[in-house]
């Protein structure tokens, strides 16, 4: 029964690390999205700051 405890512990650690990684990536993505929106608003308030979608727009 001892080996089963190690298996469970490894499985639990794996999922804890996976959830922490996904949570961290989601927070970073949200932060970057806010920064993009802030930069977009700053460009729109500049004279001639017509912001198009994508490159060359």
N, C-alpha and C. Protein backbone atom coordinates (compact mmCIF):
# COMPACT_ATOMS: atom_id res chain seq x y z
N UNK A 1 0.83 -1.20 0.00
CA UNK A 1 0.00 0.00 0.00
C UNK A 1 0.87 1.26 0.00
N UNK A 2 2.15 1.14 0.35
CA UNK A 2 3.05 2.29 0.39
C UNK A 2 3.28 2.90 -0.99
N UNK A 3 3.42 2.04 -2.02
CA UNK A 3 3.65 2.55 -3.37
C UNK A 3 2.45 3.34 -3.87
N UNK A 4 1.26 2.93 -3.48
CA UNK A 4 0.06 3.64 -3.89
C UNK A 4 0.03 5.05 -3.30
N UNK A 5 0.53 5.21 -2.10
CA UNK A 5 0.60 6.53 -1.48
C UNK A 5 1.55 7.44 -2.26
N UNK A 6 2.68 6.90 -2.71
CA UNK A 6 3.60 7.69 -3.52
C UNK A 6 2.97 8.08 -4.85
N UNK A 7 2.26 7.17 -5.45
CA UNK A 7 1.58 7.45 -6.70
C UNK A 7 0.56 8.58 -6.51
N UNK A 8 -0.23 8.49 -5.46
CA UNK A 8 -1.21 9.54 -5.18
C UNK A 8 -0.53 10.88 -4.93
N UNK A 9 0.56 10.87 -4.17
CA UNK A 9 1.29 12.11 -3.88
C UNK A 9 1.84 12.73 -5.17
N UNK A 10 2.41 11.90 -6.02
CA UNK A 10 2.95 12.41 -7.29
C UNK A 10 1.83 12.97 -8.16
N UNK A 11 0.71 12.28 -8.20
CA UNK A 11 -0.44 12.73 -8.98
C UNK A 11 -0.96 14.07 -8.44
N UNK A 12 -1.06 14.20 -7.13
CA UNK A 12 -1.54 15.44 -6.52
C UNK A 12 -0.58 16.59 -6.79
N UNK A 13 0.71 16.34 -6.68
CA UNK A 13 1.71 17.38 -6.94
C UNK A 13 1.65 17.81 -8.40
N UNK A 14 1.53 16.84 -9.30
CA UNK A 14 1.44 17.16 -10.72
C UNK A 14 0.26 18.10 -11.00
N UNK A 15 -0.91 17.78 -10.48
CA UNK A 15 -2.09 18.60 -10.73
C UNK A 15 -1.99 19.95 -10.03
N UNK A 16 -1.40 20.01 -8.86
CA UNK A 16 -1.23 21.29 -8.17
C UNK A 16 -0.32 22.21 -8.99
N UNK A 17 0.76 21.67 -9.50
CA UNK A 17 1.69 22.46 -10.32
C UNK A 17 1.00 22.89 -11.62
N UNK A 18 0.25 21.98 -12.22
CA UNK A 18 -0.47 22.31 -13.46
C UNK A 18 -1.47 23.44 -13.24
N UNK A 19 -2.27 23.36 -12.18
CA UNK A 19 -3.24 24.41 -11.89
C UNK A 19 -2.54 25.74 -11.58
N UNK A 20 -1.45 25.69 -10.85
CA UNK A 20 -0.71 26.92 -10.53
C UNK A 20 -0.17 27.56 -11.81
N UNK A 21 0.34 26.74 -12.71
CA UNK A 21 0.87 27.25 -13.98
C UNK A 21 -0.23 27.90 -14.81
N UNK A 22 -1.36 27.23 -14.93
CA UNK A 22 -2.48 27.77 -15.71
C UNK A 22 -2.99 29.07 -15.08
N UNK A 23 -3.09 29.10 -13.76
CA UNK A 23 -3.54 30.31 -13.06
C UNK A 23 -2.58 31.46 -13.32
N UNK A 24 -1.29 31.18 -13.25
CA UNK A 24 -0.27 32.22 -13.48
C UNK A 24 -0.34 32.75 -14.91
N UNK A 25 -0.48 31.86 -15.87
CA UNK A 25 -0.58 32.27 -17.27
C UNK A 25 -1.84 33.09 -17.50
N UNK A 26 -2.95 32.70 -16.89
CA UNK A 26 -4.21 33.45 -17.05
C UNK A 26 -4.07 34.86 -16.47
N UNK A 27 -3.44 34.98 -15.31
CA UNK A 27 -3.23 36.31 -14.72
C UNK A 27 -2.35 37.17 -15.61
N UNK A 28 -1.30 36.58 -16.15
CA UNK A 28 -0.39 37.33 -17.03
C UNK A 28 -1.11 37.77 -18.30
N UNK A 29 -1.94 36.91 -18.84
CA UNK A 29 -2.68 37.24 -20.05
C UNK A 29 -3.65 38.39 -19.79
N UNK A 30 -4.30 38.37 -18.64
CA UNK A 30 -5.23 39.45 -18.29
C UNK A 30 -4.48 40.76 -18.12
N UNK A 31 -3.31 40.71 -17.51
CA UNK A 31 -2.49 41.91 -17.33
C UNK A 31 -2.05 42.47 -18.68
N UNK A 32 -1.63 41.60 -19.58
CA UNK A 32 -1.22 42.05 -20.91
C UNK A 32 -2.40 42.63 -21.68
N UNK A 33 -3.57 42.04 -21.53
CA UNK A 33 -4.76 42.56 -22.21
C UNK A 33 -5.09 43.98 -21.73
N UNK A 34 -4.98 44.20 -20.41
CA UNK A 34 -5.22 45.54 -19.87
C UNK A 34 -4.19 46.54 -20.41
N UNK A 35 -2.94 46.10 -20.51
CA UNK A 35 -1.89 46.98 -21.02
C UNK A 35 -2.13 47.32 -22.49
N UNK A 36 -2.56 46.35 -23.27
CA UNK A 36 -2.87 46.59 -24.68
C UNK A 36 -4.00 47.61 -24.81
N UNK A 37 -5.04 47.44 -24.01
CA UNK A 37 -6.16 48.38 -24.06
C UNK A 37 -5.72 49.79 -23.65
N UNK A 38 -4.87 49.88 -22.65
CA UNK A 38 -4.35 51.18 -22.21
C UNK A 38 -3.55 51.84 -23.32
N UNK A 39 -2.69 51.07 -23.98
CA UNK A 39 -1.90 51.61 -25.08
C UNK A 39 -2.79 52.03 -26.25
N UNK A 40 -3.81 51.24 -26.51
CA UNK A 40 -4.74 51.57 -27.60
C UNK A 40 -5.46 52.89 -27.31
N UNK A 41 -5.91 53.06 -26.05
CA UNK A 41 -6.58 54.32 -25.68
C UNK A 41 -5.61 55.49 -25.79
N UNK A 42 -4.36 55.28 -25.38
CA UNK A 42 -3.35 56.35 -25.48
C UNK A 42 -3.11 56.74 -26.93
N UNK A 43 -3.09 55.77 -27.83
CA UNK A 43 -2.90 56.07 -29.24
C UNK A 43 -4.11 56.80 -29.82
N UNK A 44 -5.29 56.43 -29.37
CA UNK A 44 -6.50 57.07 -29.90
C UNK A 44 -6.60 58.53 -29.47
N UNK A 45 -6.03 58.87 -28.32
CA UNK A 45 -6.11 60.26 -27.85
C UNK A 45 -5.04 61.14 -28.47
N UNK A 46 -4.05 60.55 -29.11
CA UNK A 46 -3.02 61.35 -29.79
C UNK A 46 -3.61 61.98 -31.04
N UNK A 47 -3.07 63.14 -31.44
CA UNK A 47 -3.52 63.73 -32.71
C UNK A 47 -3.20 62.79 -33.87
N UNK A 48 -4.19 62.53 -34.69
CA UNK A 48 -4.00 61.60 -35.81
C UNK A 48 -3.85 60.18 -35.34
N UNK A 49 -4.41 59.86 -34.20
CA UNK A 49 -4.24 58.54 -33.61
C UNK A 49 -5.31 57.55 -34.00
N UNK A 50 -5.60 57.47 -35.29
CA UNK A 50 -6.59 56.50 -35.75
C UNK A 50 -5.97 55.11 -35.67
N UNK A 51 -6.46 54.30 -34.76
CA UNK A 51 -5.90 52.97 -34.55
C UNK A 51 -6.72 51.97 -35.33
N UNK A 52 -6.08 51.31 -36.29
CA UNK A 52 -6.76 50.28 -37.07
C UNK A 52 -6.51 48.92 -36.46
N UNK A 53 -7.15 47.94 -37.02
CA UNK A 53 -6.94 46.57 -36.56
C UNK A 53 -5.82 45.94 -37.37
N UNK A 54 -4.80 45.48 -36.70
CA UNK A 54 -3.72 44.77 -37.36
C UNK A 54 -2.70 45.71 -37.97
N UNK A 55 -1.72 45.11 -38.63
CA UNK A 55 -0.65 45.90 -39.24
C UNK A 55 -1.12 46.49 -40.57
N UNK A 56 -0.65 47.67 -40.83
CA UNK A 56 -0.93 48.31 -42.11
C UNK A 56 -2.35 48.83 -42.25
N UNK A 57 -3.11 48.84 -41.22
CA UNK A 57 -4.50 49.30 -41.32
C UNK A 57 -4.58 50.79 -41.09
